[in-house]
Amino acid sequence: MNDSSRRMDARSLRALAHPLRMRLLELLRLDGPATATHLAARVGDSTGTVSWHLRHLAEHGFIEDVPERGTRRERWWQAVVRPRDLHTSEFRNDPESRGALDVYLREFLRQQGERMVESFADADAMGPEWVRARTVSDWSGVRLTADQLAELSRRVIELVNEAVRQPEQPGAPTIVLQFQAFPRRPEENSG
């Protein structure tokens, strides 16, 4: 990742590895600041439950309150916008973190898939320039060594970081950019 990324440790991974907390963080990252009441309506849960999860996310530095928007009766929250750098190999041999890693990865991949499906289901809401600009690509079948895959991933991430550093364009929509690169399981490679 880059210098401004947050390296996930076991404690922060366990704090984030909950489907509702991950959904709340996603909503705050993509849609901006919100109150527990607003978020509870979006996720279909009680304000008390959502407030508890928001405080948990804040305790671990994933979100922060927005004091200038809050009142005595309502507290606004916003995401702390830093890319998360997760090295899954660091958690594979730790029984306490392994379960959290599994929850996190399953929910993360579910959310990514859901975003993609929603984008393609709602094509009529976009202008034709956005329908032409978006892409879902699959290069399955490419054969690379671990070093080649690591270099390819590094170069893609570098290109994305370059785009992220560009000045924000007024009125530009939030873009969801997803990248996955992984080998097939060994038993899938045989035969």
C-alpha atoms as a PDB file:
ATOM      1  CA  MET A   1       0.000   0.000   0.000  1.00  0.00           C
ATOM      2  CA  ASN A   2       1.158   3.566   0.525  1.00  0.00           C
ATOM      3  CA  ASP A   3       2.472   5.613   3.450  1.00  0.00           C
ATOM      4  CA  SER A   4      -1.005   6.765   4.477  1.00  0.00           C
ATOM      5  CA  SER A   5      -2.468   3.268   4.690  1.00  0.00           C
ATOM      6  CA  ARG A   6      -3.430   1.668   7.980  1.00  0.00           C
ATOM      7  CA  ARG A   7      -1.760  -1.659   8.634  1.00  0.00           C
ATOM      8  CA  MET A   8      -4.360  -3.954  10.172  1.00  0.00           C
ATOM      9  CA  ASP A   9      -3.253  -5.759  13.312  1.00  0.00           C
ATOM     10  CA  ALA A  10      -5.056  -8.559  15.166  1.00  0.00           C
ATOM     11  CA  ARG A  11      -6.864  -6.155  17.496  1.00  0.00           C
ATOM     12  CA  SER A  12      -8.190  -3.892  14.728  1.00  0.00           C
ATOM     13  CA  LEU A  13      -9.131  -6.907  12.608  1.00  0.00           C
ATOM     14  CA  ARG A  14     -11.201  -8.395  15.437  1.00  0.00           C
ATOM     15  CA  ALA A  15     -12.844  -4.995  15.998  1.00  0.00           C
ATOM     16  CA  LEU A  16     -13.855  -4.643  12.362  1.00  0.00           C
ATOM     17  CA  ALA A  17     -14.768  -8.291  11.642  1.00  0.00           C
ATOM     18  CA  HIS A  18     -18.506  -7.990  12.189  1.00  0.00           C
ATOM     19  CA  PRO A  19     -20.988  -7.752   9.296  1.00  0.00           C
ATOM     20  CA  LEU A  20     -22.909  -4.798  10.752  1.00  0.00           C
ATOM     21  CA  ARG A  21     -19.774  -2.834  11.636  1.00  0.00           C
ATOM     22  CA  MET A  22     -18.376  -3.438   8.167  1.00  0.00           C
ATOM     23  CA  ARG A  23     -21.650  -2.274   6.597  1.00  0.00           C
ATOM     24  CA  LEU A  24     -21.743   0.860   8.771  1.00  0.00           C
ATOM     25  CA  LEU A  25     -18.153   1.708   7.861  1.00  0.00           C
ATOM     26  CA  GLU A  26     -18.928   1.138   4.193  1.00  0.00           C
ATOM     27  CA  LEU A  27     -21.922   3.487   4.343  1.00  0.00           C
ATOM     28  CA  LEU A  28     -19.876   6.190   6.058  1.00  0.00           C
ATOM     29  CA  ARG A  29     -17.030   5.784   3.536  1.00  0.00           C
ATOM     30  CA  LEU A  30     -19.260   5.868   0.479  1.00  0.00           C
ATOM     31  CA  ASP A  31     -22.052   8.246   1.533  1.00  0.00           C
ATOM     32  CA  GLY A  32     -20.333  10.523   4.038  1.00  0.00           C
ATOM     33  CA  PRO A  33     -21.198  11.547   7.590  1.00  0.00           C
ATOM     34  CA  ALA A  34     -24.401  10.306   9.216  1.00  0.00           C
ATOM     35  CA  THR A  35     -26.066   9.839  12.576  1.00  0.00           C
ATOM     36  CA  ALA A  36     -26.824   6.527  14.267  1.00  0.00           C
ATOM     37  CA  THR A  37     -30.523   7.152  13.614  1.00  0.00           C
ATOM     38  CA  HIS A  38     -29.961   7.637   9.883  1.00  0.00           C
ATOM     39  CA  LEU A  39     -27.691   4.597   9.667  1.00  0.00           C
ATOM     40  CA  ALA A  40     -30.126   2.448  11.680  1.00  0.00           C
ATOM     41  CA  ALA A  41     -32.835   3.221   9.130  1.00  0.00           C
ATOM     42  CA  ARG A  42     -30.476   2.290   6.279  1.00  0.00           C
ATOM     43  CA  VAL A  43     -29.431  -1.059   7.770  1.00  0.00           C
ATOM     44  CA  GLY A  44     -32.779  -1.961   9.346  1.00  0.00           C
ATOM     45  CA  ASP A  45     -31.528  -2.220  12.913  1.00  0.00           C
ATOM     46  CA  SER A  46     -32.193  -0.346  16.161  1.00  0.00           C
ATOM     47  CA  THR A  47     -30.520   2.975  16.874  1.00  0.00           C
ATOM     48  CA  GLY A  48     -29.145   1.568  20.149  1.00  0.00           C
ATOM     49  CA  THR A  49     -27.464  -1.364  18.424  1.00  0.00           C
ATOM     50  CA  VAL A  50     -26.059   0.856  15.677  1.00  0.00           C
ATOM     51  CA  SER A  51     -24.802   3.394  18.251  1.00  0.00           C
ATOM     52  CA  TRP A  52     -22.983   0.624  20.125  1.00  0.00           C
ATOM     53  CA  HIS A  53     -21.272  -0.588  16.950  1.00  0.00           C
ATOM     54  CA  LEU A  54     -20.370   2.975  15.945  1.00  0.00           C
ATOM     55  CA  ARG A  55     -18.710   3.585  19.305  1.00  0.00           C
ATOM     56  CA  HIS A  56     -16.789   0.323  18.848  1.00  0.00           C
ATOM     57  CA  LEU A  57     -15.567   1.442  15.408  1.00  0.00           C
ATOM     58  CA  ALA A  58     -14.552   4.824  16.845  1.00  0.00           C
ATOM     59  CA  GLU A  59     -12.673   3.187  19.723  1.00  0.00           C
ATOM     60  CA  HIS A  60     -10.506   1.401  17.149  1.00  0.00           C
ATOM     61  CA  GLY A  61      -9.951   4.447  14.933  1.00  0.00           C
ATOM     62  CA  PHE A  62     -12.096   3.468  11.948  1.00  0.00           C
ATOM     63  CA  ILE A  63     -14.533   6.354  12.394  1.00  0.00           C
ATOM     64  CA  GLU A  64     -14.675   9.613  14.314  1.00  0.00           C
ATOM     65  CA  ASP A  65     -17.400  11.944  15.412  1.00  0.00           C
ATOM     66  CA  VAL A  66     -18.013  15.229  13.589  1.00  0.00           C
ATOM     67  CA  PRO A  67     -18.473  17.688  16.473  1.00  0.00           C
ATOM     68  CA  GLU A  68     -19.318  20.681  14.275  1.00  0.00           C
ATOM     69  CA  ARG A  69     -22.359  18.832  12.885  1.00  0.00           C
ATOM     70  CA  GLY A  70     -23.601  17.361  16.133  1.00  0.00           C
ATOM     71  CA  THR A  71     -26.002  18.663  18.713  1.00  0.00           C
ATOM     72  CA  ARG A  72     -26.709  17.578  22.270  1.00  0.00           C
ATOM     73  CA  ARG A  73     -29.282  15.124  20.931  1.00  0.00           C
ATOM     74  CA  GLU A  74     -27.549  13.814  17.836  1.00  0.00           C
ATOM     75  CA  ARG A  75     -24.003  12.709  17.154  1.00  0.00           C
ATOM     76  CA  TRP A  76     -22.633  12.661  13.623  1.00  0.00           C
ATOM     77  CA  TRP A  77     -19.999  10.135  12.540  1.00  0.00           C
ATOM     78  CA  GLN A  78     -17.595  10.031   9.606  1.00  0.00           C
ATOM     79  CA  ALA A  79     -15.156   7.448   8.306  1.00  0.00           C
ATOM     80  CA  VAL A  80     -11.459   7.957   8.893  1.00  0.00           C
ATOM     81  CA  VAL A  81     -10.429   7.694   5.266  1.00  0.00           C
ATOM     82  CA  ARG A  82      -7.268   5.625   5.119  1.00  0.00           C
ATOM     83  CA  PRO A  83      -6.772   2.554   2.984  1.00  0.00           C
ATOM     84  CA  ARG A  84      -6.550  -0.640   5.017  1.00  0.00           C
ATOM     85  CA  ASP A  85      -3.481  -2.776   4.419  1.00  0.00           C
ATOM     86  CA  LEU A  86      -4.298  -6.347   5.440  1.00  0.00           C
ATOM     87  CA  HIS A  87      -1.674  -9.082   5.212  1.00  0.00           C
ATOM     88  CA  THR A  88      -3.747 -12.226   5.675  1.00  0.00           C
ATOM     89  CA  SER A  89      -0.664 -14.409   6.147  1.00  0.00           C
ATOM     90  CA  GLU A  90      -0.044 -12.678   9.485  1.00  0.00           C
ATOM     91  CA  PHE A  91      -3.279 -14.090  10.928  1.00  0.00           C
ATOM     92  CA  ARG A  92      -3.450 -17.627   9.544  1.00  0.00           C
ATOM     93  CA  ASN A  93      -1.624 -19.267  12.461  1.00  0.00           C
ATOM     94  CA  ASP A  94      -3.315 -17.279  15.239  1.00  0.00           C
ATOM     95  CA  PRO A  95      -6.483 -19.133  16.352  1.00  0.00           C
ATOM     96  CA  GLU A  96      -7.985 -15.976  17.902  1.00  0.00           C
ATOM     97  CA  SER A  97      -7.509 -13.941  14.742  1.00  0.00           C
ATOM     98  CA  ARG A  98      -8.258 -16.699  12.221  1.00  0.00           C
ATOM     99  CA  GLY A  99     -12.018 -16.585  12.899  1.00  0.00           C
ATOM    100  CA  ALA A 100     -12.050 -12.786  12.650  1.00  0.00           C
ATOM    101  CA  LEU A 101     -10.102 -12.975   9.395  1.00  0.00           C
ATOM    102  CA  ASP A 102     -12.619 -15.430   7.932  1.00  0.00           C
ATOM    103  CA  VAL A 103     -15.562 -13.204   8.937  1.00  0.00           C
ATOM    104  CA  TYR A 104     -13.837 -10.107   7.568  1.00  0.00           C
ATOM    105  CA  LEU A 105     -12.901 -11.681   4.229  1.00  0.00           C
ATOM    106  CA  ARG A 106     -16.336 -13.229   3.642  1.00  0.00           C
ATOM    107  CA  GLU A 107     -18.126  -9.973   4.429  1.00  0.00           C
ATOM    108  CA  PHE A 108     -15.640  -7.881   2.454  1.00  0.00           C
ATOM    109  CA  LEU A 109     -16.063 -10.045  -0.647  1.00  0.00           C
ATOM    110  CA  ARG A 110     -19.854 -10.145  -0.203  1.00  0.00           C
ATOM    111  CA  GLN A 111     -19.950  -6.342  -0.066  1.00  0.00           C
ATOM    112  CA  GLN A 112     -17.780  -6.040  -3.178  1.00  0.00           C
ATOM    113  CA  GLY A 113     -19.986  -8.420  -5.116  1.00  0.00           C
ATOM    114  CA  GLU A 114     -23.112  -6.606  -3.954  1.00  0.00           C
ATOM    115  CA  ARG A 115     -21.732  -3.244  -5.107  1.00  0.00           C
ATOM    116  CA  MET A 116     -21.009  -4.653  -8.548  1.00  0.00           C
ATOM    117  CA  VAL A 117     -24.438  -6.256  -8.925  1.00  0.00           C
ATOM    118  CA  GLU A 118     -26.142  -3.015  -7.826  1.00  0.00           C
ATOM    119  CA  SER A 119     -24.144  -1.002 -10.351  1.00  0.00           C
ATOM    120  CA  PHE A 120     -25.103  -3.224 -13.250  1.00  0.00           C
ATOM    121  CA  ALA A 121     -28.731  -3.542 -12.128  1.00  0.00           C
ATOM    122  CA  ASP A 122     -29.073   0.246 -12.015  1.00  0.00           C
ATOM    123  CA  ALA A 123     -27.608   1.047 -15.443  1.00  0.00           C
ATOM    124  CA  ASP A 124     -30.603   3.187 -16.422  1.00  0.00           C
ATOM    125  CA  ALA A 125     -29.835   5.601 -13.577  1.00  0.00           C
ATOM    126  CA  MET A 126     -26.409   6.317 -15.098  1.00  0.00           C
ATOM    127  CA  GLY A 127     -25.669   8.303 -18.168  1.00  0.00           C
ATOM    128  CA  PRO A 128     -24.352   6.432 -21.211  1.00  0.00           C
ATOM    129  CA  GLU A 129     -20.840   7.783 -20.571  1.00  0.00           C
ATOM    130  CA  TRP A 130     -20.778   5.943 -17.225  1.00  0.00           C
ATOM    131  CA  VAL A 131     -22.123   2.738 -18.734  1.00  0.00           C
ATOM    132  CA  ARG A 132     -19.263   2.892 -21.279  1.00  0.00           C
ATOM    133  CA  ALA A 133     -16.626   3.843 -18.659  1.00  0.00           C
ATOM    134  CA  ARG A 134     -17.278   1.070 -16.150  1.00  0.00           C
ATOM    135  CA  THR A 135     -15.837  -2.375 -16.525  1.00  0.00           C
ATOM    136  CA  VAL A 136     -15.820  -5.828 -15.046  1.00  0.00           C
ATOM    137  CA  SER A 137     -12.960  -7.880 -16.428  1.00  0.00           C
ATOM    138  CA  ASP A 138     -11.779 -11.415 -15.901  1.00  0.00           C
ATOM    139  CA  TRP A 139      -8.403 -12.696 -16.999  1.00  0.00           C
ATOM    140  CA  SER A 140      -8.759 -16.167 -15.481  1.00  0.00           C
ATOM    141  CA  GLY A 141      -6.312 -18.653 -16.900  1.00  0.00           C
ATOM    142  CA  VAL A 142      -3.244 -16.391 -16.749  1.00  0.00           C
ATOM    143  CA  ARG A 143      -0.242 -18.292 -15.418  1.00  0.00           C
ATOM    144  CA  LEU A 144       2.151 -16.321 -13.202  1.00  0.00           C
ATOM    145  CA  THR A 145       4.665 -17.058 -10.489  1.00  0.00           C
ATOM    146  CA  ALA A 146       4.137 -15.625  -7.000  1.00  0.00           C
ATOM    147  CA  ASP A 147       6.765 -12.961  -7.741  1.00  0.00           C
ATOM    148  CA  GLN A 148       5.090 -12.002 -11.019  1.00  0.00           C
ATOM    149  CA  LEU A 149       1.693 -11.739  -9.317  1.00  0.00           C
ATOM    150  CA  ALA A 150       3.179  -9.609  -6.530  1.00  0.00           C
ATOM    151  CA  GLU A 151       4.750  -7.272  -9.106  1.00  0.00           C
ATOM    152  CA  LEU A 152       1.521  -7.016 -11.106  1.00  0.00           C
ATOM    153  CA  SER A 153      -0.440  -6.221  -7.938  1.00  0.00           C
ATOM    154  CA  ARG A 154       2.149  -3.624  -6.897  1.00  0.00           C
ATOM    155  CA  ARG A 155       1.914  -1.897 -10.296  1.00  0.00           C
ATOM    156  CA  VAL A 156      -1.895  -1.847 -10.284  1.00  0.00           C
ATOM    157  CA  ILE A 157      -1.954  -0.443  -6.735  1.00  0.00           C
ATOM    158  CA  GLU A 158       0.619   2.181  -7.733  1.00  0.00           C
ATOM    159  CA  LEU A 159      -1.575   3.246 -10.660  1.00  0.00           C
ATOM    160  CA  VAL A 160      -4.649   3.450  -8.407  1.00  0.00           C
ATOM    161  CA  ASN A 161      -2.732   5.488  -5.808  1.00  0.00           C
ATOM    162  CA  GLU A 162      -1.680   7.878  -8.575  1.00  0.00           C
ATOM    163  CA  ALA A 163      -5.329   8.350  -9.564  1.00  0.00           C
ATOM    164  CA  VAL A 164      -6.369   8.846  -5.924  1.00  0.00           C
ATOM    165  CA  ARG A 165      -3.820  11.653  -5.530  1.00  0.00           C
ATOM    166  CA  GLN A 166      -5.420  13.652  -8.358  1.00  0.00           C
ATOM    167  CA  PRO A 167      -7.357  16.767  -7.293  1.00  0.00           C
ATOM    168  CA  GLU A 168     -10.999  15.997  -6.584  1.00  0.00           C
ATOM    169  CA  GLN A 169     -13.287  17.145  -9.377  1.00  0.00           C
ATOM    170  CA  PRO A 170     -16.390  19.067  -8.259  1.00  0.00           C
ATOM    171  CA  GLY A 171     -19.524  17.032  -8.848  1.00  0.00           C
ATOM    172  CA  ALA A 172     -17.641  13.830  -9.636  1.00  0.00           C
ATOM    173  CA  PRO A 173     -19.397  10.755  -8.242  1.00  0.00           C
ATOM    174  CA  THR A 174     -17.807   8.297  -5.842  1.00  0.00           C
ATOM    175  CA  ILE A 175     -16.158   5.486  -7.763  1.00  0.00           C
ATOM    176  CA  VAL A 176     -15.921   1.948  -6.443  1.00  0.00           C
ATOM    177  CA  LEU A 177     -12.718   0.384  -7.707  1.00  0.00           C
ATOM    178  CA  GLN A 178     -12.148  -3.275  -6.905  1.00  0.00           C
ATOM    179  CA  PHE A 179      -9.127  -5.395  -7.683  1.00  0.00           C
ATOM    180  CA  GLN A 180      -8.590  -9.046  -6.874  1.00  0.00           C
ATOM    181  CA  ALA A 181      -5.657 -11.184  -7.918  1.00  0.00           C
ATOM    182  CA  PHE A 182      -5.238 -14.652  -6.483  1.00  0.00           C
ATOM    183  CA  PRO A 183      -4.171 -18.158  -7.487  1.00  0.00           C
ATOM    184  CA  ARG A 184      -6.681 -20.952  -7.808  1.00  0.00           C
ATOM    185  CA  ARG A 185      -6.593 -23.524  -5.062  1.00  0.00           C
ATOM    186  CA  PRO A 186      -4.089 -26.313  -5.801  1.00  0.00           C
ATOM    187  CA  GLU A 187      -6.760 -28.998  -6.318  1.00  0.00           C
ATOM    188  CA  GLU A 188      -8.389 -26.764  -8.958  1.00  0.00           C
ATOM    189  CA  ASN A 189      -5.073 -26.546 -10.857  1.00  0.00           C
ATOM    190  CA  SER A 190      -4.658 -30.272 -11.346  1.00  0.00           C
ATOM    191  CA  GLY A 191      -5.945 -32.180 -14.331  1.00  0.00           C
END
